[in-house]
Amino acid sequence: MRHRKGARHVPAHTPETPETRSPGRRAFTLIRTVLFATVVSALIVLVTAIILVPRITGSTTYTILTNSMAPTLPPGTIIVTQPRDVASIRVGDVVTYQIESGQPEVITHRVVGISKDTRGEVSFIMRGDNNSVNDPKPVIREQVMGVVLYSVPFVGLAINTVTGNAKLWVPVAIAVVFIFWGVGYVIAHFTSQRKTPAILKTTAPLNNDHGKEGTR
């Protein structure tokens, strides 16, 4: 009489979970998450700095194109200029002003002197930080566009490659893409962690060539 042994059990298989990953892979995942969060945060700060804050404060953004204010404001720096009463402007303030009153071309230099004429009209002596001489003419009240509130270095180099009003929306578009990507990544990450790993138990019968036991 011949009969087969009972079916043998294949060891259970548990899919990989965050807890069972190798230290190297866990470190890579952590670094990737931190880098991604840093990029998204930087983009959000950038959009806030060059679009939202100027709109809220009534300020205007400009891009530094020359080297006259280096190293404080090197070429490619975006500045946010806020209108201010000229009576509040002091020596040392960085001011954006029209080269010719009523004309669109502007310069951003530092106030190095303040004077008044016999009628009490204020004018400002201006100079770029990187210049050895003052600007040719004193700047009068009507030319003053405002005082630089803050600056964002180097961003203007990239934004200036886009022409027209679209240039201010470049960082917005980039930020939106990264934010949507980030939301999808976070959802996928937490969804995978919440799933209970399935334990696959398999019972495989022995074939005719193995595990036979003969009894006579």
N, C-alpha and C. Protein backbone atom coordinates (compact mmCIF):
# COMPACT_ATOMS: atom_id res chain seq x y z
N MET A 1 0.85 -1.19 0.00
CA MET A 1 0.00 0.00 0.00
C MET A 1 0.88 1.23 0.00
N ARG A 2 0.53 2.20 -0.86
CA ARG A 2 1.29 3.44 -0.94
C ARG A 2 0.36 4.62 -0.62
N HIS A 3 0.92 5.58 0.06
CA HIS A 3 0.15 6.81 0.26
C HIS A 3 1.11 7.99 0.35
N ARG A 4 0.57 9.20 0.12
CA ARG A 4 1.39 10.42 0.15
C ARG A 4 1.38 11.03 1.54
N LYS A 5 2.46 11.68 1.81
CA LYS A 5 2.48 12.48 3.04
C LYS A 5 1.48 13.61 2.90
N GLY A 6 1.12 14.17 4.01
CA GLY A 6 0.26 15.35 3.98
C GLY A 6 0.95 16.51 3.28
N ALA A 7 0.16 17.44 2.81
CA ALA A 7 0.69 18.61 2.09
C ALA A 7 1.66 19.37 2.98
N ARG A 8 2.74 19.88 2.35
CA ARG A 8 3.71 20.67 3.12
C ARG A 8 3.33 22.15 3.04
N HIS A 9 3.74 22.91 4.05
CA HIS A 9 3.39 24.32 4.15
C HIS A 9 4.57 25.18 3.72
N VAL A 10 4.29 26.09 2.80
CA VAL A 10 5.31 27.06 2.40
C VAL A 10 5.33 28.17 3.43
N PRO A 11 6.47 28.59 3.90
CA PRO A 11 6.53 29.64 4.93
C PRO A 11 5.76 30.88 4.49
N ALA A 12 5.11 31.48 5.47
CA ALA A 12 4.34 32.70 5.19
C ALA A 12 5.25 33.80 4.66
N HIS A 13 4.70 34.61 3.75
CA HIS A 13 5.46 35.71 3.17
C HIS A 13 4.81 37.04 3.54
N THR A 14 5.55 37.93 4.15
CA THR A 14 5.04 39.23 4.55
C THR A 14 5.64 40.31 3.66
N PRO A 15 4.80 41.10 2.98
CA PRO A 15 5.33 42.17 2.13
C PRO A 15 6.14 43.17 2.95
N GLU A 16 7.02 43.88 2.25
CA GLU A 16 7.88 44.85 2.92
C GLU A 16 7.05 45.99 3.48
N THR A 17 7.35 46.41 4.70
CA THR A 17 6.70 47.55 5.34
C THR A 17 7.77 48.56 5.73
N PRO A 18 7.37 49.79 6.10
CA PRO A 18 8.37 50.77 6.53
C PRO A 18 9.24 50.27 7.66
N GLU A 19 8.65 49.40 8.52
CA GLU A 19 9.43 48.91 9.66
C GLU A 19 10.46 47.86 9.25
N THR A 20 10.19 47.15 8.13
CA THR A 20 11.10 46.08 7.73
C THR A 20 12.10 46.50 6.67
N ARG A 21 12.03 47.75 6.22
CA ARG A 21 12.98 48.21 5.21
C ARG A 21 14.38 48.28 5.80
N SER A 22 15.36 48.19 4.94
CA SER A 22 16.74 48.28 5.38
C SER A 22 17.03 49.70 5.85
N PRO A 23 18.02 49.89 6.75
CA PRO A 23 18.36 51.24 7.21
C PRO A 23 18.72 52.18 6.07
N GLY A 24 19.41 51.65 5.05
CA GLY A 24 19.78 52.49 3.92
C GLY A 24 18.58 53.01 3.17
N ARG A 25 17.59 52.15 2.98
CA ARG A 25 16.39 52.58 2.26
C ARG A 25 15.57 53.54 3.09
N ARG A 26 15.50 53.30 4.39
CA ARG A 26 14.78 54.23 5.26
C ARG A 26 15.44 55.60 5.25
N ALA A 27 16.78 55.62 5.26
CA ALA A 27 17.50 56.90 5.23
C ALA A 27 17.25 57.63 3.92
N PHE A 28 17.24 56.87 2.81
CA PHE A 28 16.98 57.49 1.51
C PHE A 28 15.58 58.10 1.47
N THR A 29 14.60 57.37 2.00
CA THR A 29 13.22 57.88 2.02
C THR A 29 13.13 59.15 2.86
N LEU A 30 13.82 59.16 4.00
CA LEU A 30 13.80 60.33 4.87
C LEU A 30 14.43 61.54 4.18
N ILE A 31 15.59 61.31 3.54
CA ILE A 31 16.27 62.41 2.85
C ILE A 31 15.40 62.94 1.72
N ARG A 32 14.80 62.05 0.96
CA ARG A 32 13.93 62.47 -0.15
C ARG A 32 12.76 63.30 0.36
N THR A 33 12.17 62.87 1.47
CA THR A 33 11.03 63.60 2.03
C THR A 33 11.44 64.98 2.52
N VAL A 34 12.59 65.05 3.19
CA VAL A 34 13.07 66.34 3.71
C VAL A 34 13.39 67.29 2.56
N LEU A 35 14.06 66.79 1.53
CA LEU A 35 14.40 67.63 0.38
C LEU A 35 13.14 68.13 -0.30
N PHE A 36 12.19 67.26 -0.48
CA PHE A 36 10.94 67.66 -1.12
C PHE A 36 10.23 68.73 -0.31
N ALA A 37 10.14 68.52 1.00
CA ALA A 37 9.48 69.50 1.87
C ALA A 37 10.20 70.84 1.84
N THR A 38 11.54 70.79 1.76
CA THR A 38 12.32 72.03 1.70
C THR A 38 12.04 72.80 0.42
N VAL A 39 12.01 72.09 -0.70
CA VAL A 39 11.74 72.74 -1.99
C VAL A 39 10.36 73.37 -2.01
N VAL A 40 9.36 72.62 -1.57
CA VAL A 40 8.00 73.14 -1.56
C VAL A 40 7.89 74.36 -0.64
N SER A 41 8.52 74.28 0.54
CA SER A 41 8.48 75.40 1.48
C SER A 41 9.14 76.64 0.88
N ALA A 42 10.28 76.43 0.21
CA ALA A 42 10.99 77.55 -0.41
C ALA A 42 10.14 78.21 -1.49
N LEU A 43 9.45 77.40 -2.28
CA LEU A 43 8.60 77.94 -3.34
C LEU A 43 7.42 78.72 -2.76
N ILE A 44 6.86 78.21 -1.69
CA ILE A 44 5.75 78.92 -1.05
C ILE A 44 6.22 80.26 -0.50
N VAL A 45 7.39 80.26 0.14
CA VAL A 45 7.96 81.52 0.65
C VAL A 45 8.23 82.48 -0.50
N LEU A 46 8.76 81.96 -1.61
CA LEU A 46 9.07 82.79 -2.77
C LEU A 46 7.81 83.45 -3.33
N VAL A 47 6.77 82.66 -3.52
CA VAL A 47 5.52 83.21 -4.05
C VAL A 47 4.95 84.26 -3.09
N THR A 48 5.02 83.97 -1.81
CA THR A 48 4.53 84.93 -0.82
C THR A 48 5.32 86.23 -0.88
N ALA A 49 6.65 86.10 -1.01
CA ALA A 49 7.52 87.28 -0.96
C ALA A 49 7.38 88.18 -2.17
N ILE A 50 7.25 87.59 -3.37
CA ILE A 50 7.29 88.43 -4.57
C ILE A 50 5.93 88.70 -5.19
N ILE A 51 4.87 88.06 -4.66
CA ILE A 51 3.54 88.30 -5.22
C ILE A 51 2.54 88.70 -4.14
N LEU A 52 2.38 87.88 -3.12
CA LEU A 52 1.33 88.12 -2.14
C LEU A 52 1.61 89.35 -1.28
N VAL A 53 2.81 89.43 -0.70
CA VAL A 53 3.14 90.57 0.17
C VAL A 53 3.07 91.89 -0.58
N PRO A 54 3.66 92.00 -1.80
CA PRO A 54 3.51 93.26 -2.53
C PRO A 54 2.06 93.66 -2.77
N ARG A 55 1.20 92.70 -3.07
CA ARG A 55 -0.21 93.03 -3.29
C ARG A 55 -0.86 93.53 -2.01
N ILE A 56 -0.55 92.88 -0.91
CA ILE A 56 -1.15 93.26 0.37
C ILE A 56 -0.67 94.63 0.82
N THR A 57 0.61 94.92 0.64
CA THR A 57 1.20 96.17 1.14
C THR A 57 1.17 97.30 0.12
N GLY A 58 0.67 97.03 -1.08
CA GLY A 58 0.66 98.07 -2.11
C GLY A 58 2.04 98.38 -2.65
N SER A 59 2.94 97.43 -2.55
CA SER A 59 4.32 97.62 -3.00
C SER A 59 4.48 97.22 -4.46
N THR A 60 5.65 97.51 -5.01
CA THR A 60 5.97 97.17 -6.40
C THR A 60 7.26 96.37 -6.42
N THR A 61 7.32 95.36 -7.28
CA THR A 61 8.55 94.57 -7.42
C THR A 61 9.35 95.06 -8.62
N TYR A 62 10.67 95.07 -8.43
CA TYR A 62 11.60 95.42 -9.50
C TYR A 62 12.73 94.40 -9.49
N THR A 63 13.41 94.31 -10.61
CA THR A 63 14.60 93.45 -10.70
C THR A 63 15.83 94.31 -10.91
N ILE A 64 16.85 94.08 -10.08
CA ILE A 64 18.12 94.81 -10.22
C ILE A 64 18.84 94.29 -11.46
N LEU A 65 19.21 95.20 -12.35
CA LEU A 65 19.84 94.81 -13.61
C LEU A 65 21.32 95.15 -13.69
N THR A 66 21.78 96.07 -12.85
CA THR A 66 23.18 96.50 -12.93
C THR A 66 23.92 96.17 -11.64
N ASN A 67 25.20 96.47 -11.64
CA ASN A 67 26.08 96.13 -10.52
C ASN A 67 26.27 97.29 -9.55
N SER A 68 25.51 98.36 -9.71
CA SER A 68 25.78 99.58 -8.93
C SER A 68 25.49 99.43 -7.44
N MET A 69 24.65 98.46 -7.07
CA MET A 69 24.34 98.27 -5.65
C MET A 69 24.96 97.00 -5.08
N ALA A 70 25.88 96.40 -5.82
CA ALA A 70 26.57 95.21 -5.31
C ALA A 70 27.51 95.63 -4.17
N PRO A 71 27.76 94.77 -3.21
CA PRO A 71 27.23 93.39 -3.09
C PRO A 71 25.88 93.30 -2.38
N THR A 72 25.36 94.45 -1.94
CA THR A 72 24.09 94.42 -1.21
C THR A 72 22.95 93.89 -2.07
N LEU A 73 22.86 94.44 -3.29
CA LEU A 73 21.81 94.04 -4.24
C LEU A 73 22.46 93.71 -5.58
N PRO A 74 22.98 92.51 -5.73
CA PRO A 74 23.63 92.14 -6.99
C PRO A 74 22.62 92.00 -8.12
N PRO A 75 23.09 92.02 -9.37
CA PRO A 75 22.18 91.83 -10.50
C PRO A 75 21.37 90.54 -10.36
N GLY A 76 20.10 90.62 -10.73
CA GLY A 76 19.21 89.46 -10.60
C GLY A 76 18.40 89.45 -9.33
N THR A 77 18.70 90.40 -8.42
CA THR A 77 17.93 90.48 -7.18
C THR A 77 16.56 91.10 -7.44
N ILE A 78 15.54 90.51 -6.84
CA ILE A 78 14.20 91.12 -6.88
C ILE A 78 14.03 91.96 -5.62
N ILE A 79 13.62 93.21 -5.80
CA ILE A 79 13.37 94.08 -4.65
C ILE A 79 11.88 94.41 -4.59
N VAL A 80 11.40 94.61 -3.38
CA VAL A 80 10.02 95.02 -3.16
C VAL A 80 10.06 96.43 -2.57
N THR A 81 9.56 97.39 -3.34
CA THR A 81 9.62 98.80 -2.95
C THR A 81 8.25 99.26 -2.49
N GLN A 82 8.20 99.80 -1.28
CA GLN A 82 6.94 100.25 -0.69
C GLN A 82 6.86 101.77 -0.69
N PRO A 83 5.77 102.32 -1.19
CA PRO A 83 5.61 103.78 -1.15
C PRO A 83 5.68 104.29 0.29
N ARG A 84 6.32 105.45 0.46
CA ARG A 84 6.47 106.00 1.80
C ARG A 84 6.53 107.52 1.72
N ASP A 85 6.04 108.16 2.74
CA ASP A 85 6.12 109.61 2.82
C ASP A 85 7.59 110.01 2.83
N VAL A 86 7.97 110.94 1.95
CA VAL A 86 9.38 111.32 1.86
C VAL A 86 9.90 111.89 3.17
N ALA A 87 9.01 112.41 4.01
CA ALA A 87 9.45 112.96 5.29
C ALA A 87 10.01 111.89 6.21
N SER A 88 9.65 110.62 5.95
CA SER A 88 10.13 109.52 6.80
C SER A 88 11.42 108.89 6.29
N ILE A 89 11.88 109.32 5.12
CA ILE A 89 13.10 108.74 4.54
C ILE A 89 14.32 109.30 5.24
N ARG A 90 15.26 108.42 5.55
CA ARG A 90 16.46 108.81 6.28
C ARG A 90 17.71 108.42 5.50
N VAL A 91 18.83 109.03 5.87
CA VAL A 91 20.11 108.64 5.29
C VAL A 91 20.36 107.16 5.58
N GLY A 92 20.76 106.42 4.57
CA GLY A 92 20.98 104.98 4.70
C GLY A 92 19.87 104.15 4.11
N ASP A 93 18.68 104.75 3.91
CA ASP A 93 17.59 104.02 3.27
C ASP A 93 17.92 103.77 1.80
N VAL A 94 17.46 102.63 1.29
CA VAL A 94 17.62 102.32 -0.13
C VAL A 94 16.31 102.68 -0.82
N VAL A 95 16.40 103.58 -1.80
CA VAL A 95 15.21 104.18 -2.40
C VAL A 95 15.18 103.90 -3.90
N THR A 96 14.00 103.59 -4.40
CA THR A 96 13.79 103.48 -5.85
C THR A 96 13.20 104.80 -6.34
N TYR A 97 13.82 105.36 -7.37
CA TYR A 97 13.32 106.65 -7.87
C TYR A 97 13.36 106.70 -9.39
N GLN A 98 12.54 107.57 -9.96
CA GLN A 98 12.50 107.76 -11.40
C GLN A 98 13.70 108.58 -11.85
N ILE A 99 14.35 108.14 -12.93
CA ILE A 99 15.48 108.91 -13.46
C ILE A 99 15.01 110.30 -13.88
N GLU A 100 13.88 110.35 -14.54
CA GLU A 100 13.23 111.61 -14.89
C GLU A 100 11.80 111.55 -14.37
N SER A 101 11.39 112.60 -13.70
CA SER A 101 10.06 112.61 -13.10
C SER A 101 8.98 112.30 -14.13
N GLY A 102 8.12 111.34 -13.80
CA GLY A 102 7.03 110.96 -14.67
C GLY A 102 7.38 109.92 -15.71
N GLN A 103 8.65 109.53 -15.80
CA GLN A 103 9.09 108.53 -16.77
C GLN A 103 9.22 107.16 -16.10
N PRO A 104 9.05 106.07 -16.86
CA PRO A 104 9.03 104.73 -16.24
C PRO A 104 10.39 104.21 -15.77
N GLU A 105 11.50 104.70 -16.35
CA GLU A 105 12.80 104.17 -15.98
C GLU A 105 13.15 104.57 -14.55
N VAL A 106 13.61 103.58 -13.77
CA VAL A 106 13.92 103.84 -12.36
C VAL A 106 15.31 103.35 -12.01
N ILE A 107 15.81 103.87 -10.89
CA ILE A 107 17.09 103.44 -10.32
C ILE A 107 16.85 103.19 -8.84
N THR A 108 17.56 102.24 -8.29
CA THR A 108 17.51 101.99 -6.85
C THR A 108 18.90 102.20 -6.27
N HIS A 109 19.05 103.26 -5.47
CA HIS A 109 20.32 103.59 -4.83
C HIS A 109 20.07 103.97 -3.38
N ARG A 110 21.16 104.18 -2.66
CA ARG A 110 21.07 104.50 -1.24
C ARG A 110 21.12 106.02 -1.02
N VAL A 111 20.34 106.45 -0.03
CA VAL A 111 20.36 107.87 0.35
C VAL A 111 21.63 108.15 1.15
N VAL A 112 22.44 109.08 0.66
CA VAL A 112 23.68 109.44 1.37
C VAL A 112 23.62 110.87 1.90
N GLY A 113 22.57 111.59 1.55
CA GLY A 113 22.43 112.96 2.05
C GLY A 113 21.03 113.49 1.79
N ILE A 114 20.58 114.39 2.66
CA ILE A 114 19.27 115.02 2.52
C ILE A 114 19.45 116.53 2.65
N SER A 115 18.81 117.26 1.76
CA SER A 115 18.92 118.72 1.82
C SER A 115 17.56 119.36 1.60
N LYS A 116 17.44 120.62 2.01
CA LYS A 116 16.22 121.40 1.80
C LYS A 116 16.58 122.72 1.14
N ASP A 117 15.71 123.16 0.24
CA ASP A 117 15.94 124.47 -0.36
C ASP A 117 15.27 125.55 0.49
N THR A 118 15.31 126.77 0.00
CA THR A 118 14.77 127.89 0.77
C THR A 118 13.27 127.79 0.98
N ARG A 119 12.60 127.02 0.17
CA ARG A 119 11.16 126.84 0.31
C ARG A 119 10.81 125.62 1.17
N GLY A 120 11.84 124.94 1.66
CA GLY A 120 11.60 123.78 2.51
C GLY A 120 11.39 122.49 1.76
N GLU A 121 11.61 122.52 0.44
CA GLU A 121 11.45 121.32 -0.38
C GLU A 121 12.64 120.38 -0.15
N VAL A 122 12.33 119.12 0.10
CA VAL A 122 13.36 118.12 0.39
C VAL A 122 13.88 117.51 -0.91
N SER A 123 15.18 117.28 -0.97
CA SER A 123 15.79 116.52 -2.06
C SER A 123 16.82 115.57 -1.46
N PHE A 124 17.10 114.50 -2.20
CA PHE A 124 17.96 113.44 -1.68
C PHE A 124 19.20 113.27 -2.56
N ILE A 125 20.34 113.12 -1.90
CA ILE A 125 21.59 112.80 -2.59
C ILE A 125 21.72 111.28 -2.58
N MET A 126 21.86 110.69 -3.76
CA MET A 126 21.85 109.23 -3.89
C MET A 126 23.18 108.72 -4.42
N ARG A 127 23.48 107.47 -4.05
CA ARG A 127 24.70 106.83 -4.57
C ARG A 127 24.53 105.31 -4.50
N GLY A 128 25.00 104.63 -5.52
CA GLY A 128 25.04 103.18 -5.47
C GLY A 128 26.15 102.71 -4.54
N ASP A 129 25.92 101.63 -3.83
CA ASP A 129 26.94 101.11 -2.89
C ASP A 129 28.24 100.79 -3.60
N ASN A 130 28.17 100.44 -4.87
CA ASN A 130 29.36 100.05 -5.62
C ASN A 130 29.93 101.21 -6.44
N ASN A 131 29.38 102.40 -6.27
CA ASN A 131 29.85 103.57 -7.02
C ASN A 131 30.73 104.45 -6.14
N SER A 132 31.65 105.13 -6.77
CA SER A 132 32.56 106.01 -6.03
C SER A 132 32.08 107.46 -6.00
N VAL A 133 31.06 107.78 -6.78
CA VAL A 133 30.53 109.16 -6.82
C VAL A 133 29.02 109.13 -6.66
N ASN A 134 28.49 110.28 -6.24
CA ASN A 134 27.04 110.41 -6.09
C ASN A 134 26.36 110.44 -7.45
N ASP A 135 25.06 110.18 -7.45
CA ASP A 135 24.29 110.31 -8.68
C ASP A 135 24.31 111.77 -9.15
N PRO A 136 24.21 111.99 -10.46
CA PRO A 136 24.42 113.33 -11.02
C PRO A 136 23.52 114.42 -10.45
N LYS A 137 22.25 114.10 -10.21
CA LYS A 137 21.30 115.12 -9.76
C LYS A 137 20.63 114.70 -8.45
N PRO A 138 20.31 115.69 -7.60
CA PRO A 138 19.50 115.38 -6.42
C PRO A 138 18.13 114.86 -6.86
N VAL A 139 17.56 114.02 -6.04
CA VAL A 139 16.25 113.43 -6.33
C VAL A 139 15.18 114.18 -5.55
N ILE A 140 14.16 114.65 -6.25
CA ILE A 140 13.10 115.41 -5.60
C ILE A 140 11.92 114.50 -5.24
N ARG A 141 11.01 115.07 -4.49
CA ARG A 141 9.87 114.32 -3.96
C ARG A 141 9.12 113.55 -5.05
N GLU A 142 8.86 114.21 -6.18
CA GLU A 142 8.05 113.62 -7.23
C GLU A 142 8.70 112.40 -7.87
N GLN A 143 10.00 112.27 -7.75
CA GLN A 143 10.70 111.15 -8.37
C GLN A 143 10.70 109.89 -7.50
N VAL A 144 10.46 110.06 -6.22
CA VAL A 144 10.59 108.95 -5.28
C VAL A 144 9.43 107.97 -5.44
N MET A 145 9.77 106.71 -5.72
CA MET A 145 8.77 105.65 -5.84
C MET A 145 8.53 104.93 -4.52
N GLY A 146 9.54 104.91 -3.67
CA GLY A 146 9.39 104.25 -2.39
C GLY A 146 10.72 103.75 -1.85
N VAL A 147 10.64 103.13 -0.69
CA VAL A 147 11.81 102.59 0.00
C VAL A 147 11.79 101.07 -0.14
N VAL A 148 12.96 100.49 -0.35
CA VAL A 148 13.05 99.04 -0.49
C VAL A 148 12.70 98.38 0.83
N LEU A 149 11.66 97.55 0.79
CA LEU A 149 11.19 96.86 1.99
C LEU A 149 12.03 95.63 2.27
N TYR A 150 12.30 94.84 1.23
CA TYR A 150 13.17 93.67 1.35
C TYR A 150 13.56 93.24 -0.06
N SER A 151 14.46 92.28 -0.12
CA SER A 151 14.94 91.80 -1.42
C SER A 151 15.04 90.28 -1.42
N VAL A 152 14.97 89.70 -2.62
CA VAL A 152 15.12 88.25 -2.81
C VAL A 152 16.22 88.06 -3.85
N PRO A 153 17.39 87.57 -3.44
CA PRO A 153 18.53 87.51 -4.38
C PRO A 153 18.37 86.46 -5.47
N PHE A 154 18.90 86.80 -6.65
CA PHE A 154 19.11 85.89 -7.79
C PHE A 154 17.84 85.42 -8.51
N VAL A 155 16.69 85.51 -7.88
CA VAL A 155 15.48 84.98 -8.50
C VAL A 155 15.16 85.70 -9.80
N GLY A 156 15.48 86.98 -9.87
CA GLY A 156 15.19 87.75 -11.07
C GLY A 156 15.89 87.25 -12.31
N LEU A 157 17.02 86.58 -12.15
CA LEU A 157 17.75 86.04 -13.30
C LEU A 157 16.88 85.05 -14.06
N ALA A 158 16.17 84.21 -13.33
CA ALA A 158 15.31 83.21 -13.98
C ALA A 158 14.02 83.84 -14.48
N ILE A 159 13.43 84.70 -13.66
CA ILE A 159 12.14 85.28 -14.03
C ILE A 159 12.27 86.19 -15.24
N ASN A 160 13.40 86.86 -15.38
CA ASN A 160 13.57 87.79 -16.50
C ASN A 160 13.69 87.10 -17.85
N THR A 161 13.82 85.78 -17.85
CA THR A 161 13.83 85.06 -19.13
C THR A 161 12.44 85.00 -19.73
N VAL A 162 11.43 85.28 -18.91
CA VAL A 162 10.04 85.33 -19.38
C VAL A 162 9.65 86.79 -19.54
N THR A 163 9.00 87.11 -20.64
CA THR A 163 8.67 88.51 -20.92
C THR A 163 7.24 88.83 -20.49
N GLY A 164 6.99 90.11 -20.32
CA GLY A 164 5.65 90.58 -20.05
C GLY A 164 5.18 90.27 -18.64
N ASN A 165 3.86 90.39 -18.44
CA ASN A 165 3.27 90.17 -17.12
C ASN A 165 3.35 88.72 -16.67
N ALA A 166 3.63 87.82 -17.61
CA ALA A 166 3.69 86.40 -17.26
C ALA A 166 4.83 86.09 -16.31
N LYS A 167 5.86 86.94 -16.28
CA LYS A 167 7.05 86.60 -15.50
C LYS A 167 6.75 86.47 -14.00
N LEU A 168 5.80 87.24 -13.49
CA LEU A 168 5.50 87.16 -12.07
C LEU A 168 4.76 85.88 -11.71
N TRP A 169 4.20 85.20 -12.72
CA TRP A 169 3.45 83.98 -12.44
C TRP A 169 4.30 82.73 -12.59
N VAL A 170 5.55 82.90 -12.99
CA VAL A 170 6.44 81.74 -13.13
C VAL A 170 6.60 81.02 -11.80
N PRO A 171 6.98 81.70 -10.69
CA PRO A 171 7.11 80.97 -9.43
C PRO A 171 5.80 80.39 -8.94
N VAL A 172 4.67 81.04 -9.28
CA VAL A 172 3.37 80.50 -8.88
C VAL A 172 3.13 79.16 -9.56
N ALA A 173 3.38 79.12 -10.86
CA ALA A 173 3.17 77.88 -11.61
C ALA A 173 4.05 76.76 -11.07
N ILE A 174 5.31 77.07 -10.81
CA ILE A 174 6.23 76.06 -10.28
C ILE A 174 5.75 75.57 -8.92
N ALA A 175 5.34 76.51 -8.07
CA ALA A 175 4.88 76.14 -6.73
C ALA A 175 3.64 75.26 -6.80
N VAL A 176 2.71 75.59 -7.68
CA VAL A 176 1.48 74.80 -7.81
C VAL A 176 1.80 73.37 -8.22
N VAL A 177 2.72 73.22 -9.18
CA VAL A 177 3.11 71.89 -9.63
C VAL A 177 3.70 71.08 -8.48
N PHE A 178 4.61 71.69 -7.73
CA PHE A 178 5.24 70.98 -6.62
C PHE A 178 4.24 70.68 -5.51
N ILE A 179 3.33 71.60 -5.26
CA ILE A 179 2.34 71.38 -4.20
C ILE A 179 1.43 70.20 -4.54
N PHE A 180 0.94 70.16 -5.79
CA PHE A 180 0.09 69.04 -6.20
C PHE A 180 0.87 67.72 -6.15
N TRP A 181 2.11 67.77 -6.60
CA TRP A 181 2.96 66.58 -6.53
C TRP A 181 3.13 66.15 -5.08
N GLY A 182 3.35 67.13 -4.20
CA GLY A 182 3.55 66.83 -2.79
C GLY A 182 2.32 66.23 -2.15
N VAL A 183 1.15 66.79 -2.47
CA VAL A 183 -0.09 66.25 -1.92
C VAL A 183 -0.28 64.80 -2.35
N GLY A 184 -0.03 64.53 -3.63
CA GLY A 184 -0.14 63.16 -4.12
C GLY A 184 0.84 62.23 -3.44
N TYR A 185 2.07 62.72 -3.22
CA TYR A 185 3.10 61.90 -2.57
C TYR A 185 2.70 61.58 -1.13
N VAL A 186 2.23 62.60 -0.41
CA VAL A 186 1.86 62.40 0.99
C VAL A 186 0.68 61.44 1.11
N ILE A 187 -0.33 61.62 0.24
CA ILE A 187 -1.49 60.73 0.27
C ILE A 187 -1.07 59.28 0.00
N ALA A 188 -0.23 59.09 -1.01
CA ALA A 188 0.23 57.74 -1.33
C ALA A 188 1.03 57.14 -0.19
N HIS A 189 1.86 57.98 0.45
CA HIS A 189 2.71 57.50 1.54
C HIS A 189 1.87 57.02 2.73
N PHE A 190 0.91 57.85 3.16
CA PHE A 190 0.11 57.48 4.32
C PHE A 190 -0.88 56.37 4.01
N THR A 191 -1.35 56.32 2.77
CA THR A 191 -2.25 55.23 2.38
C THR A 191 -1.54 53.89 2.47
N SER A 192 -0.29 53.85 2.01
CA SER A 192 0.47 52.61 2.05
C SER A 192 0.78 52.19 3.47
N GLN A 193 0.96 53.17 4.38
CA GLN A 193 1.26 52.83 5.77
C GLN A 193 0.04 52.33 6.52
N ARG A 194 -1.15 52.79 6.11
CA ARG A 194 -2.36 52.39 6.82
C ARG A 194 -2.85 51.01 6.42
N LYS A 195 -2.42 50.53 5.28
CA LYS A 195 -2.84 49.21 4.84
C LYS A 195 -2.23 48.14 5.72
N THR A 196 -3.01 47.15 6.10
CA THR A 196 -2.49 46.02 6.87
C THR A 196 -1.84 45.04 5.91
N PRO A 197 -0.57 44.76 6.11
CA PRO A 197 0.10 43.85 5.18
C PRO A 197 -0.56 42.48 5.18
N ALA A 198 -0.83 42.00 4.01
CA ALA A 198 -1.44 40.67 3.88
C ALA A 198 -0.38 39.60 4.07
N ILE A 199 -0.71 38.59 4.86
CA ILE A 199 0.20 37.47 5.06
C ILE A 199 -0.28 36.33 4.18
N LEU A 200 0.54 35.99 3.25
CA LEU A 200 0.16 34.97 2.27
C LEU A 200 0.59 33.60 2.76
N LYS A 201 -0.38 32.76 3.09
CA LYS A 201 -0.07 31.40 3.52
C LYS A 201 -0.48 30.46 2.40
N THR A 202 0.45 29.63 2.00
CA THR A 202 0.19 28.75 0.87
C THR A 202 0.45 27.31 1.27
N THR A 203 -0.46 26.44 0.88
CA THR A 203 -0.27 25.01 1.11
C THR A 203 -0.10 24.35 -0.24
N ALA A 204 1.04 23.74 -0.41
CA ALA A 204 1.34 23.13 -1.71
C ALA A 204 1.42 21.62 -1.55
N PRO A 205 0.66 20.87 -2.35
CA PRO A 205 0.76 19.40 -2.29
C PRO A 205 2.08 18.94 -2.87
N LEU A 206 2.55 17.83 -2.36
CA LEU A 206 3.77 17.25 -2.90
C LEU A 206 3.45 16.55 -4.20
N ASN A 207 4.38 16.62 -5.16
CA ASN A 207 4.14 15.91 -6.42
C ASN A 207 4.50 14.43 -6.27
N ASN A 208 4.33 13.70 -7.34
CA ASN A 208 4.49 12.25 -7.27
C ASN A 208 5.93 11.82 -7.10
N ASP A 209 6.88 12.75 -7.34
CA ASP A 209 8.28 12.34 -7.30
C ASP A 209 8.92 12.54 -5.95
N HIS A 210 8.22 13.20 -5.04
CA HIS A 210 8.84 13.50 -3.75
C HIS A 210 7.88 13.12 -2.63
N GLY A 211 8.47 12.76 -1.51
CA GLY A 211 7.70 12.53 -0.30
C GLY A 211 6.86 11.28 -0.30
N LYS A 212 7.16 10.31 -1.13
CA LYS A 212 6.38 9.07 -1.12
C LYS A 212 6.91 8.15 -0.03
N GLU A 213 6.00 7.43 0.61
CA GLU A 213 6.40 6.48 1.63
C GLU A 213 5.74 5.14 1.31
N GLY A 214 6.55 4.14 1.13
CA GLY A 214 5.99 2.83 0.78
C GLY A 214 5.81 1.95 2.00
N THR A 215 4.66 1.27 2.08
CA THR A 215 4.39 0.34 3.16
C THR A 215 3.89 -0.95 2.55
N ARG A 216 4.44 -1.93 2.92
CA ARG A 216 4.04 -3.22 2.37
C ARG A 216 3.34 -4.01 3.44
